[in-house]
Amino acid sequence: MTYHIHELTKDIGTFHLTAILIKRARELMDGAPALIATDSSDPVQTVFEELASGKLSITDEVVTKE
């Protein structure tokens, strides 16, 4: 699985992207359902899989779930 993090960080910045991904990982740890089918029990891995699959869209200000 390939992550195109460089494309995202040039638009919103590394710090902002990291904060958004951490927020989503915390949501998963608090019981939010995953947006994709995954075999991983690791919330961080799940967040990256959601991002790579296009189910987790990151914009300038908001995380949107499609």
PDB file of N, CA and C in Angstrom:
ATOM      1  N   MET A   1       0.850  -1.166   0.000  1.00  0.00           N
ATOM      2  CA  MET A   1       0.000   0.000   0.000  1.00  0.00           C
ATOM      3  C   MET A   1       0.900   1.235   0.000  1.00  0.00           C
ATOM      4  N   THR A   2       0.640   2.184  -0.871  1.00  0.00           N
ATOM      5  CA  THR A   2       1.451   3.375  -0.978  1.00  0.00           C
ATOM      6  C   THR A   2       0.695   4.567  -0.435  1.00  0.00           C
ATOM      7  N   TYR A   3       1.346   5.338   0.400  1.00  0.00           N
ATOM      8  CA  TYR A   3       0.766   6.552   0.955  1.00  0.00           C
ATOM      9  C   TYR A   3       1.433   7.742   0.284  1.00  0.00           C
ATOM     10  N   HIS A   4       0.645   8.678  -0.153  1.00  0.00           N
ATOM     11  CA  HIS A   4       1.172   9.870  -0.813  1.00  0.00           C
ATOM     12  C   HIS A   4       1.146  11.038   0.168  1.00  0.00           C
ATOM     13  N   ILE A   5       1.878  10.886   1.247  1.00  0.00           N
ATOM     14  CA  ILE A   5       1.901  11.869   2.319  1.00  0.00           C
ATOM     15  C   ILE A   5       2.520  13.176   1.835  1.00  0.00           C
ATOM     16  N   HIS A   6       3.498  13.100   0.958  1.00  0.00           N
ATOM     17  CA  HIS A   6       4.160  14.315   0.476  1.00  0.00           C
ATOM     18  C   HIS A   6       3.171  15.256  -0.196  1.00  0.00           C
ATOM     19  N   GLU A   7       2.224  14.702  -0.938  1.00  0.00           N
ATOM     20  CA  GLU A   7       1.214  15.530  -1.599  1.00  0.00           C
ATOM     21  C   GLU A   7       0.333  16.237  -0.577  1.00  0.00           C
ATOM     22  N   LEU A   8      -0.029  15.532   0.498  1.00  0.00           N
ATOM     23  CA  LEU A   8      -0.880  16.126   1.524  1.00  0.00           C
ATOM     24  C   LEU A   8      -0.137  17.177   2.327  1.00  0.00           C
ATOM     25  N   THR A   9       1.116  16.905   2.672  1.00  0.00           N
ATOM     26  CA  THR A   9       1.844  17.833   3.536  1.00  0.00           C
ATOM     27  C   THR A   9       2.188  19.135   2.832  1.00  0.00           C
ATOM     28  N   LYS A  10       2.315  19.121   1.532  1.00  0.00           N
ATOM     29  CA  LYS A  10       2.628  20.383   0.857  1.00  0.00           C
ATOM     30  C   LYS A  10       1.417  21.318   0.853  1.00  0.00           C
ATOM     31  N   ASP A  11       0.214  20.768   0.971  1.00  0.00           N
ATOM     32  CA  ASP A  11      -0.986  21.590   0.994  1.00  0.00           C
ATOM     33  C   ASP A  11      -1.363  22.058   2.396  1.00  0.00           C
ATOM     34  N   ILE A  12      -1.239  21.178   3.394  1.00  0.00           N
ATOM     35  CA  ILE A  12      -1.694  21.545   4.736  1.00  0.00           C
ATOM     36  C   ILE A  12      -0.603  21.524   5.784  1.00  0.00           C
ATOM     37  N   GLY A  13       0.536  20.963   5.499  1.00  0.00           N
ATOM     38  CA  GLY A  13       1.643  20.935   6.446  1.00  0.00           C
ATOM     39  C   GLY A  13       1.678  19.657   7.261  1.00  0.00           C
ATOM     40  N   THR A  14       2.878  19.264   7.608  1.00  0.00           N
ATOM     41  CA  THR A  14       3.104  18.029   8.335  1.00  0.00           C
ATOM     42  C   THR A  14       2.435  18.034   9.706  1.00  0.00           C
ATOM     43  N   PHE A  15       2.573  19.140  10.444  1.00  0.00           N
ATOM     44  CA  PHE A  15       1.994  19.218  11.780  1.00  0.00           C
ATOM     45  C   PHE A  15       0.480  19.083  11.737  1.00  0.00           C
ATOM     46  N   HIS A  16      -0.153  19.801  10.835  1.00  0.00           N
ATOM     47  CA  HIS A  16      -1.620  19.766  10.719  1.00  0.00           C
ATOM     48  C   HIS A  16      -2.088  18.364  10.334  1.00  0.00           C
ATOM     49  N   LEU A  17      -1.434  17.740   9.392  1.00  0.00           N
ATOM     50  CA  LEU A  17      -1.795  16.381   8.980  1.00  0.00           C
ATOM     51  C   LEU A  17      -1.644  15.412  10.143  1.00  0.00           C
ATOM     52  N   THR A  18      -0.552  15.521  10.871  1.00  0.00           N
ATOM     53  CA  THR A  18      -0.325  14.641  12.016  1.00  0.00           C
ATOM     54  C   THR A  18      -1.413  14.817  13.068  1.00  0.00           C
ATOM     55  N   ALA A  19      -1.781  16.052  13.360  1.00  0.00           N
ATOM     56  CA  ALA A  19      -2.830  16.318  14.350  1.00  0.00           C
ATOM     57  C   ALA A  19      -4.162  15.709  13.926  1.00  0.00           C
ATOM     58  N   ILE A  20      -4.485  15.794  12.649  1.00  0.00           N
ATOM     59  CA  ILE A  20      -5.737  15.231  12.136  1.00  0.00           C
ATOM     60  C   ILE A  20      -5.723  13.711  12.233  1.00  0.00           C
ATOM     61  N   LEU A  21      -4.610  13.096  11.868  1.00  0.00           N
ATOM     62  CA  LEU A  21      -4.516  11.633  11.925  1.00  0.00           C
ATOM     63  C   LEU A  21      -4.568  11.127  13.362  1.00  0.00           C
ATOM     64  N   ILE A  22      -3.951  11.854  14.281  1.00  0.00           N
ATOM     65  CA  ILE A  22      -4.014  11.476  15.696  1.00  0.00           C
ATOM     66  C   ILE A  22      -5.443  11.581  16.200  1.00  0.00           C
ATOM     67  N   LYS A  23      -6.138  12.633  15.810  1.00  0.00           N
ATOM     68  CA  LYS A  23      -7.533  12.797  16.228  1.00  0.00           C
ATOM     69  C   LYS A  23      -8.383  11.620  15.748  1.00  0.00           C
ATOM     70  N   ARG A  24      -8.185  11.213  14.506  1.00  0.00           N
ATOM     71  CA  ARG A  24      -8.952  10.085  13.961  1.00  0.00           C
ATOM     72  C   ARG A  24      -8.590   8.783  14.683  1.00  0.00           C
ATOM     73  N   ALA A  25      -7.313   8.587  14.991  1.00  0.00           N
ATOM     74  CA  ALA A  25      -6.896   7.383  15.717  1.00  0.00           C
ATOM     75  C   ALA A  25      -7.550   7.343  17.100  1.00  0.00           C
ATOM     76  N   ARG A  26      -7.650   8.488  17.744  1.00  0.00           N
ATOM     77  CA  ARG A  26      -8.317   8.539  19.048  1.00  0.00           C
ATOM     78  C   ARG A  26      -9.800   8.200  18.918  1.00  0.00           C
ATOM     79  N   GLU A  27     -10.433   8.659  17.848  1.00  0.00           N
ATOM     80  CA  GLU A  27     -11.837   8.310  17.617  1.00  0.00           C
ATOM     81  C   GLU A  27     -11.996   6.792  17.516  1.00  0.00           C
ATOM     82  N   LEU A  28     -11.087   6.160  16.796  1.00  0.00           N
ATOM     83  CA  LEU A  28     -11.138   4.701  16.654  1.00  0.00           C
ATOM     84  C   LEU A  28     -10.918   4.013  18.005  1.00  0.00           C
ATOM     85  N   MET A  29      -9.987   4.518  18.791  1.00  0.00           N
ATOM     86  CA  MET A  29      -9.727   3.933  20.107  1.00  0.00           C
ATOM     87  C   MET A  29     -10.927   4.103  21.038  1.00  0.00           C
ATOM     88  N   ASP A  30     -11.711   5.148  20.809  1.00  0.00           N
ATOM     89  CA  ASP A  30     -12.899   5.403  21.627  1.00  0.00           C
ATOM     90  C   ASP A  30     -14.130   4.662  21.115  1.00  0.00           C
ATOM     91  N   GLY A  31     -13.951   3.824  20.078  1.00  0.00           N
ATOM     92  CA  GLY A  31     -15.040   2.979  19.623  1.00  0.00           C
ATOM     93  C   GLY A  31     -15.706   3.376  18.317  1.00  0.00           C
ATOM     94  N   ALA A  32     -15.218   4.411  17.655  1.00  0.00           N
ATOM     95  CA  ALA A  32     -15.789   4.788  16.357  1.00  0.00           C
ATOM     96  C   ALA A  32     -15.538   3.660  15.356  1.00  0.00           C
ATOM     97  N   PRO A  33     -16.493   3.410  14.472  1.00  0.00           N
ATOM     98  CA  PRO A  33     -16.286   2.344  13.487  1.00  0.00           C
ATOM     99  C   PRO A  33     -15.263   2.751  12.426  1.00  0.00           C
ATOM    100  N   ALA A  34     -14.523   1.774  11.949  1.00  0.00           N
ATOM    101  CA  ALA A  34     -13.581   2.017  10.851  1.00  0.00           C
ATOM    102  C   ALA A  34     -14.370   2.280   9.576  1.00  0.00           C
ATOM    103  N   LEU A  35     -13.811   3.095   8.710  1.00  0.00           N
ATOM    104  CA  LEU A  35     -14.465   3.436   7.453  1.00  0.00           C
ATOM    105  C   LEU A  35     -14.207   2.403   6.367  1.00  0.00           C
ATOM    106  N   ILE A  36     -13.336   1.454   6.665  1.00  0.00           N
ATOM    107  CA  ILE A  36     -12.965   0.411   5.709  1.00  0.00           C
ATOM    108  C   ILE A  36     -12.943  -0.934   6.419  1.00  0.00           C
ATOM    109  N   ALA A  37     -12.970  -1.997   5.653  1.00  0.00           N
ATOM    110  CA  ALA A  37     -12.767  -3.328   6.216  1.00  0.00           C
ATOM    111  C   ALA A  37     -11.259  -3.530   6.342  1.00  0.00           C
ATOM    112  N   THR A  38     -10.817  -3.902   7.530  1.00  0.00           N
ATOM    113  CA  THR A  38      -9.393  -4.095   7.764  1.00  0.00           C
ATOM    114  C   THR A  38      -9.171  -5.251   8.731  1.00  0.00           C
ATOM    115  N   ASP A  39      -8.039  -5.912   8.587  1.00  0.00           N
ATOM    116  CA  ASP A  39      -7.661  -6.978   9.502  1.00  0.00           C
ATOM    117  C   ASP A  39      -6.868  -6.430  10.684  1.00  0.00           C
ATOM    118  N   SER A  40      -6.487  -5.162  10.601  1.00  0.00           N
ATOM    119  CA  SER A  40      -5.647  -4.566  11.623  1.00  0.00           C
ATOM    120  C   SER A  40      -6.450  -4.189  12.864  1.00  0.00           C
ATOM    121  N   SER A  41      -5.879  -4.462  14.017  1.00  0.00           N
ATOM    122  CA  SER A  41      -6.484  -4.011  15.267  1.00  0.00           C
ATOM    123  C   SER A  41      -5.785  -2.743  15.767  1.00  0.00           C
ATOM    124  N   ASP A  42      -4.782  -2.297  15.024  1.00  0.00           N
ATOM    125  CA  ASP A  42      -4.023  -1.095  15.373  1.00  0.00           C
ATOM    126  C   ASP A  42      -4.721   0.135  14.797  1.00  0.00           C
ATOM    127  N   PRO A  43      -5.187   1.056  15.643  1.00  0.00           N
ATOM    128  CA  PRO A  43      -5.900   2.235  15.143  1.00  0.00           C
ATOM    129  C   PRO A  43      -5.060   3.103  14.210  1.00  0.00           C
ATOM    130  N   VAL A  44      -3.764   3.187  14.468  1.00  0.00           N
ATOM    131  CA  VAL A  44      -2.900   4.006  13.608  1.00  0.00           C
ATOM    132  C   VAL A  44      -2.821   3.399  12.211  1.00  0.00           C
ATOM    133  N   GLN A  45      -2.643   2.098  12.132  1.00  0.00           N
ATOM    134  CA  GLN A  45      -2.616   1.416  10.837  1.00  0.00           C
ATOM    135  C   GLN A  45      -3.948   1.605  10.115  1.00  0.00           C
ATOM    136  N   THR A  46      -5.042   1.505  10.852  1.00  0.00           N
ATOM    137  CA  THR A  46      -6.374   1.670  10.267  1.00  0.00           C
ATOM    138  C   THR A  46      -6.544   3.069   9.695  1.00  0.00           C
ATOM    139  N   VAL A  47      -6.056   4.080  10.411  1.00  0.00           N
ATOM    140  CA  VAL A  47      -6.153   5.464   9.919  1.00  0.00           C
ATOM    141  C   VAL A  47      -5.407   5.608   8.597  1.00  0.00           C
ATOM    142  N   PHE A  48      -4.206   5.040   8.519  1.00  0.00           N
ATOM    143  CA  PHE A  48      -3.442   5.130   7.270  1.00  0.00           C
ATOM    144  C   PHE A  48      -4.142   4.366   6.139  1.00  0.00           C
ATOM    145  N   GLU A  49      -4.748   3.244   6.465  1.00  0.00           N
ATOM    146  CA  GLU A  49      -5.490   2.500   5.444  1.00  0.00           C
ATOM    147  C   GLU A  49      -6.713   3.289   4.983  1.00  0.00           C
ATOM    148  N   GLU A  50      -7.403   3.955   5.906  1.00  0.00           N
ATOM    149  CA  GLU A  50      -8.545   4.798   5.535  1.00  0.00           C
ATOM    150  C   GLU A  50      -8.096   5.929   4.622  1.00  0.00           C
ATOM    151  N   LEU A  51      -6.998   6.550   4.959  1.00  0.00           N
ATOM    152  CA  LEU A  51      -6.467   7.649   4.155  1.00  0.00           C
ATOM    153  C   LEU A  51      -6.075   7.165   2.759  1.00  0.00           C
ATOM    154  N   ALA A  52      -5.367   6.036   2.706  1.00  0.00           N
ATOM    155  CA  ALA A  52      -4.910   5.494   1.421  1.00  0.00           C
ATOM    156  C   ALA A  52      -6.064   5.039   0.539  1.00  0.00           C
ATOM    157  N   SER A  53      -7.147   4.571   1.164  1.00  0.00           N
ATOM    158  CA  SER A  53      -8.285   4.086   0.385  1.00  0.00           C
ATOM    159  C   SER A  53      -9.162   5.214  -0.153  1.00  0.00           C
ATOM    160  N   GLY A  54      -8.936   6.413   0.362  1.00  0.00           N
ATOM    161  CA  GLY A  54      -9.752   7.542  -0.077  1.00  0.00           C
ATOM    162  C   GLY A  54     -11.018   7.722   0.739  1.00  0.00           C
ATOM    163  N   LYS A  55     -11.220   6.892   1.741  1.00  0.00           N
ATOM    164  CA  LYS A  55     -12.410   7.007   2.589  1.00  0.00           C
ATOM    165  C   LYS A  55     -12.283   8.138   3.598  1.00  0.00           C
ATOM    166  N   LEU A  56     -11.070   8.518   3.915  1.00  0.00           N
ATOM    167  CA  LEU A  56     -10.816   9.612   4.840  1.00  0.00           C
ATOM    168  C   LEU A  56     -10.230  10.751   4.027  1.00  0.00           C
ATOM    169  N   SER A  57     -10.994  11.793   3.846  1.00  0.00           N
ATOM    170  CA  SER A  57     -10.540  12.933   3.055  1.00  0.00           C
ATOM    171  C   SER A  57     -10.079  14.033   3.991  1.00  0.00           C
ATOM    172  N   ILE A  58      -8.915  14.566   3.730  1.00  0.00           N
ATOM    173  CA  ILE A  58      -8.384  15.630   4.564  1.00  0.00           C
ATOM    174  C   ILE A  58      -8.373  16.907   3.752  1.00  0.00           C
ATOM    175  N   THR A  59      -9.033  17.915   4.303  1.00  0.00           N
ATOM    176  CA  THR A  59      -9.065  19.224   3.654  1.00  0.00           C
ATOM    177  C   THR A  59      -8.304  20.204   4.525  1.00  0.00           C
ATOM    178  N   ASP A  60      -8.354  21.456   4.151  1.00  0.00           N
ATOM    179  CA  ASP A  60      -7.632  22.513   4.857  1.00  0.00           C
ATOM    180  C   ASP A  60      -8.017  22.594   6.333  1.00  0.00           C
ATOM    181  N   GLU A  61      -9.278  22.413   6.645  1.00  0.00           N
ATOM    182  CA  GLU A  61      -9.750  22.618   8.005  1.00  0.00           C
ATOM    183  C   GLU A  61     -10.417  21.390   8.627  1.00  0.00           C
ATOM    184  N   VAL A  62     -10.881  20.467   7.821  1.00  0.00           N
ATOM    185  CA  VAL A  62     -11.807  19.460   8.329  1.00  0.00           C
ATOM    186  C   VAL A  62     -11.428  18.079   7.837  1.00  0.00           C
ATOM    187  N   VAL A  63     -11.726  17.077   8.651  1.00  0.00           N
ATOM    188  CA  VAL A  63     -11.661  15.696   8.208  1.00  0.00           C
ATOM    189  C   VAL A  63     -13.071  15.334   7.801  1.00  0.00           C
ATOM    190  N   THR A  64     -13.250  14.870   6.579  1.00  0.00           N
ATOM    191  CA  THR A  64     -14.572  14.477   6.127  1.00  0.00           C
ATOM    192  C   THR A  64     -14.591  12.990   5.895  1.00  0.00           C
ATOM    193  N   LYS A  65     -15.707  12.383   6.194  1.00  0.00           N
ATOM    194  CA  LYS A  65     -15.877  10.955   6.002  1.00  0.00           C
ATOM    195  C   LYS A  65     -16.857  10.748   4.883  1.00  0.00           C
ATOM    196  N   GLU A  66     -16.397  10.122   3.817  1.00  0.00           N
ATOM    197  CA  GLU A  66     -17.271   9.913   2.642  1.00  0.00           C
ATOM    198  C   GLU A  66     -18.062   8.656   2.767  1.00  0.00           C
TER     199      GLU A  66
END
